[in-house]
């Protein structure tokens, strides 16, 4: 249960874990906002990712299965040209 929540010392390792999930799934990951809110302490992270639909789906599956309480509040998908 202790690893379920992120304390202030674990924010950087958490973000590195998300980046590693991107590398594992061949998804480009860019953090656009990281904000620690107080009362109750909550870490808000905005991420922009790009890749194939399959790769992004795998990336989101890894994020969802991470050993933390993670809530995805918004997603937007766009078809782009590369």
N, C-alpha and C. Protein backbone atom coordinates (compact mmCIF):
# COMPACT_ATOMS: atom_id res chain seq x y z
N UNK A 1 0.82 -1.20 0.00
CA UNK A 1 0.00 0.00 0.00
C UNK A 1 0.86 1.26 0.00
N UNK A 2 2.06 1.19 0.57
CA UNK A 2 2.92 2.36 0.62
C UNK A 2 3.31 2.87 -0.74
N UNK A 3 3.43 1.97 -1.73
CA UNK A 3 3.81 2.42 -3.08
C UNK A 3 2.60 2.89 -3.88
N UNK A 4 1.42 2.79 -3.30
CA UNK A 4 0.20 3.18 -3.99
C UNK A 4 0.12 4.69 -4.18
N UNK A 5 0.70 5.43 -3.24
CA UNK A 5 0.70 6.88 -3.29
C UNK A 5 2.13 7.37 -3.50
N UNK A 6 2.30 8.49 -4.15
CA UNK A 6 3.61 9.05 -4.44
C UNK A 6 3.92 10.12 -3.41
N UNK A 7 5.07 9.99 -2.72
CA UNK A 7 5.45 11.08 -1.84
C UNK A 7 6.33 12.05 -2.62
N UNK A 8 6.62 13.18 -2.03
CA UNK A 8 7.34 14.25 -2.74
C UNK A 8 8.70 13.80 -3.25
N UNK A 9 9.36 12.86 -2.57
CA UNK A 9 10.67 12.39 -3.00
C UNK A 9 10.59 11.44 -4.20
N UNK A 10 9.42 10.94 -4.49
CA UNK A 10 9.27 9.95 -5.55
C UNK A 10 8.69 10.52 -6.84
N UNK A 11 8.54 11.83 -6.93
CA UNK A 11 7.94 12.41 -8.14
C UNK A 11 8.83 12.20 -9.35
N UNK A 12 10.11 12.48 -9.23
CA UNK A 12 11.02 12.31 -10.38
C UNK A 12 11.09 10.85 -10.81
N UNK A 13 11.27 9.88 -9.88
CA UNK A 13 11.25 8.48 -10.32
C UNK A 13 9.93 8.08 -10.98
N UNK A 14 8.82 8.64 -10.51
CA UNK A 14 7.52 8.35 -11.13
C UNK A 14 7.50 8.85 -12.58
N UNK A 15 7.96 10.08 -12.79
CA UNK A 15 7.98 10.63 -14.14
C UNK A 15 8.93 9.84 -15.04
N UNK A 16 10.06 9.41 -14.48
CA UNK A 16 10.99 8.58 -15.25
C UNK A 16 10.36 7.24 -15.62
N UNK A 17 9.53 6.69 -14.73
CA UNK A 17 8.83 5.46 -15.02
C UNK A 17 7.88 5.64 -16.21
N UNK A 18 7.17 6.77 -16.24
CA UNK A 18 6.25 7.06 -17.35
C UNK A 18 7.05 7.19 -18.65
N UNK A 19 8.20 7.88 -18.59
CA UNK A 19 9.06 8.00 -19.78
C UNK A 19 9.53 6.63 -20.24
N UNK A 20 9.88 5.75 -19.31
CA UNK A 20 10.33 4.40 -19.66
C UNK A 20 9.20 3.62 -20.33
N UNK A 21 7.98 3.78 -19.86
CA UNK A 21 6.84 3.13 -20.52
C UNK A 21 6.75 3.60 -21.97
N UNK A 22 7.03 4.88 -22.20
CA UNK A 22 7.03 5.41 -23.56
C UNK A 22 8.11 4.73 -24.41
N UNK A 23 9.31 4.59 -23.86
CA UNK A 23 10.39 3.92 -24.61
C UNK A 23 10.03 2.47 -24.91
N UNK A 24 9.45 1.78 -23.93
CA UNK A 24 9.08 0.38 -24.11
C UNK A 24 8.05 0.19 -25.22
N UNK A 25 7.20 1.17 -25.40
CA UNK A 25 6.11 1.04 -26.37
C UNK A 25 6.33 1.87 -27.64
N UNK A 26 7.50 2.47 -27.77
CA UNK A 26 7.85 3.30 -28.93
C UNK A 26 6.92 4.52 -29.06
N UNK A 27 6.55 5.08 -27.92
CA UNK A 27 5.68 6.26 -27.88
C UNK A 27 6.51 7.45 -27.39
N UNK A 28 6.42 8.55 -28.11
CA UNK A 28 7.06 9.79 -27.69
C UNK A 28 6.25 10.39 -26.55
N UNK A 29 6.91 10.67 -25.43
CA UNK A 29 6.23 11.19 -24.24
C UNK A 29 6.82 12.55 -23.90
N UNK A 30 5.95 13.55 -23.74
CA UNK A 30 6.38 14.89 -23.36
C UNK A 30 5.47 15.38 -22.23
N UNK A 31 6.07 15.77 -21.11
CA UNK A 31 5.30 16.31 -20.00
C UNK A 31 5.06 17.79 -20.27
N UNK A 32 3.80 18.19 -20.31
CA UNK A 32 3.47 19.58 -20.58
C UNK A 32 3.14 20.34 -19.30
N UNK A 33 2.85 19.62 -18.21
CA UNK A 33 2.58 20.26 -16.93
C UNK A 33 2.74 19.23 -15.82
N UNK A 34 3.41 19.62 -14.75
CA UNK A 34 3.52 18.82 -13.54
C UNK A 34 3.23 19.75 -12.39
N UNK A 35 2.21 19.41 -11.59
CA UNK A 35 1.77 20.31 -10.53
C UNK A 35 1.39 19.49 -9.30
N UNK A 36 1.94 19.83 -8.16
CA UNK A 36 1.62 19.18 -6.90
C UNK A 36 0.64 20.05 -6.13
N UNK A 37 -0.59 19.57 -5.97
CA UNK A 37 -1.62 20.32 -5.24
C UNK A 37 -1.66 19.84 -3.80
N UNK A 38 -2.01 20.73 -2.90
CA UNK A 38 -2.12 20.39 -1.48
C UNK A 38 -3.56 20.17 -1.09
N UNK A 39 -3.77 19.43 -0.02
CA UNK A 39 -5.04 19.21 0.66
C UNK A 39 -6.16 18.61 -0.13
N UNK A 40 -6.26 17.33 -0.32
CA UNK A 40 -5.22 16.32 -0.09
C UNK A 40 -4.14 16.41 -1.17
N UNK A 41 -2.91 16.03 -0.82
CA UNK A 41 -1.82 16.12 -1.80
C UNK A 41 -2.12 15.29 -3.04
N UNK A 42 -2.06 15.94 -4.19
CA UNK A 42 -2.37 15.28 -5.46
C UNK A 42 -1.36 15.77 -6.49
N UNK A 43 -0.83 14.82 -7.25
CA UNK A 43 0.09 15.15 -8.33
C UNK A 43 -0.68 15.15 -9.64
N UNK A 44 -0.71 16.30 -10.31
CA UNK A 44 -1.35 16.41 -11.61
C UNK A 44 -0.26 16.45 -12.67
N UNK A 45 -0.36 15.56 -13.65
CA UNK A 45 0.63 15.49 -14.71
C UNK A 45 -0.10 15.52 -16.05
N UNK A 46 0.28 16.45 -16.91
CA UNK A 46 -0.24 16.50 -18.28
C UNK A 46 0.82 15.94 -19.21
N UNK A 47 0.43 15.01 -20.05
CA UNK A 47 1.36 14.32 -20.93
C UNK A 47 0.84 14.39 -22.36
N UNK A 48 1.72 14.72 -23.28
CA UNK A 48 1.42 14.61 -24.70
C UNK A 48 2.23 13.45 -25.23
N UNK A 49 1.57 12.56 -25.93
CA UNK A 49 2.28 11.41 -26.49
C UNK A 49 1.92 11.26 -27.95
N UNK A 50 2.83 10.67 -28.70
CA UNK A 50 2.55 10.43 -30.11
C UNK A 50 3.13 9.08 -30.49
N UNK A 51 2.43 8.44 -31.40
CA UNK A 51 2.82 7.12 -31.88
C UNK A 51 1.63 6.50 -32.59
N UNK A 52 1.74 5.24 -32.92
CA UNK A 52 0.62 4.56 -33.55
C UNK A 52 -0.46 4.31 -32.51
N UNK A 53 -1.67 4.07 -32.99
CA UNK A 53 -2.77 3.80 -32.07
C UNK A 53 -2.44 2.60 -31.18
N UNK A 54 -1.90 1.55 -31.77
CA UNK A 54 -1.56 0.34 -31.03
C UNK A 54 -0.51 0.63 -29.96
N UNK A 55 0.53 1.39 -30.31
CA UNK A 55 1.57 1.71 -29.35
C UNK A 55 1.05 2.59 -28.22
N UNK A 56 0.23 3.56 -28.54
CA UNK A 56 -0.34 4.43 -27.50
C UNK A 56 -1.27 3.64 -26.60
N UNK A 57 -2.02 2.73 -27.15
CA UNK A 57 -2.90 1.88 -26.35
C UNK A 57 -2.06 1.05 -25.37
N UNK A 58 -0.96 0.48 -25.85
CA UNK A 58 -0.06 -0.29 -24.98
C UNK A 58 0.53 0.62 -23.90
N UNK A 59 0.92 1.83 -24.27
CA UNK A 59 1.46 2.80 -23.31
C UNK A 59 0.44 3.08 -22.21
N UNK A 60 -0.80 3.38 -22.60
CA UNK A 60 -1.84 3.68 -21.61
C UNK A 60 -2.13 2.47 -20.73
N UNK A 61 -2.04 1.28 -21.28
CA UNK A 61 -2.24 0.06 -20.49
C UNK A 61 -1.17 -0.07 -19.42
N UNK A 62 0.09 0.24 -19.77
CA UNK A 62 1.17 0.19 -18.78
C UNK A 62 0.96 1.25 -17.70
N UNK A 63 0.57 2.45 -18.10
CA UNK A 63 0.32 3.51 -17.12
C UNK A 63 -0.80 3.10 -16.18
N UNK A 64 -1.86 2.55 -16.73
CA UNK A 64 -3.00 2.12 -15.91
C UNK A 64 -2.61 1.03 -14.92
N UNK A 65 -1.70 0.15 -15.31
CA UNK A 65 -1.30 -0.98 -14.46
C UNK A 65 -0.18 -0.61 -13.48
N UNK A 66 0.30 0.63 -13.53
CA UNK A 66 1.37 1.06 -12.61
C UNK A 66 0.88 0.92 -11.16
N UNK A 67 1.82 0.68 -10.24
CA UNK A 67 1.43 0.44 -8.84
C UNK A 67 1.11 1.72 -8.07
N UNK A 68 0.34 2.59 -8.68
CA UNK A 68 -0.07 3.85 -8.04
C UNK A 68 -1.54 4.07 -8.32
N UNK A 69 -2.15 4.92 -7.53
CA UNK A 69 -3.53 5.32 -7.79
C UNK A 69 -3.48 6.38 -8.88
N UNK A 70 -3.79 5.98 -10.11
CA UNK A 70 -3.73 6.89 -11.25
C UNK A 70 -5.13 7.06 -11.82
N UNK A 71 -5.48 8.30 -12.05
CA UNK A 71 -6.78 8.61 -12.64
C UNK A 71 -6.54 9.43 -13.90
N UNK A 72 -6.95 8.90 -15.05
CA UNK A 72 -6.83 9.63 -16.31
C UNK A 72 -8.11 10.44 -16.44
N UNK A 73 -7.96 11.76 -16.45
CA UNK A 73 -9.14 12.63 -16.43
C UNK A 73 -9.56 13.12 -17.80
N UNK A 74 -8.64 13.09 -18.76
CA UNK A 74 -8.99 13.59 -20.10
C UNK A 74 -8.03 12.99 -21.12
N UNK A 75 -8.57 12.61 -22.25
CA UNK A 75 -7.74 12.19 -23.37
C UNK A 75 -8.28 12.84 -24.64
N UNK A 76 -7.38 13.15 -25.53
CA UNK A 76 -7.74 13.70 -26.83
C UNK A 76 -6.88 12.98 -27.86
N UNK A 77 -7.50 12.52 -28.94
CA UNK A 77 -6.75 11.84 -30.00
C UNK A 77 -6.90 12.62 -31.28
N UNK A 78 -5.79 12.74 -32.00
CA UNK A 78 -5.79 13.41 -33.28
C UNK A 78 -5.01 12.56 -34.28
N UNK A 79 -5.47 12.55 -35.47
CA UNK A 79 -4.73 11.89 -36.55
C UNK A 79 -3.74 12.91 -37.08
N UNK A 80 -2.49 12.54 -37.13
CA UNK A 80 -1.47 13.45 -37.60
C UNK A 80 -0.67 12.83 -38.74
N UNK A 81 0.09 13.66 -39.39
CA UNK A 81 0.98 13.16 -40.43
C UNK A 81 2.39 13.29 -39.91
N UNK A 82 3.21 12.31 -40.28
CA UNK A 82 4.59 12.33 -39.83
C UNK A 82 5.52 12.34 -40.98
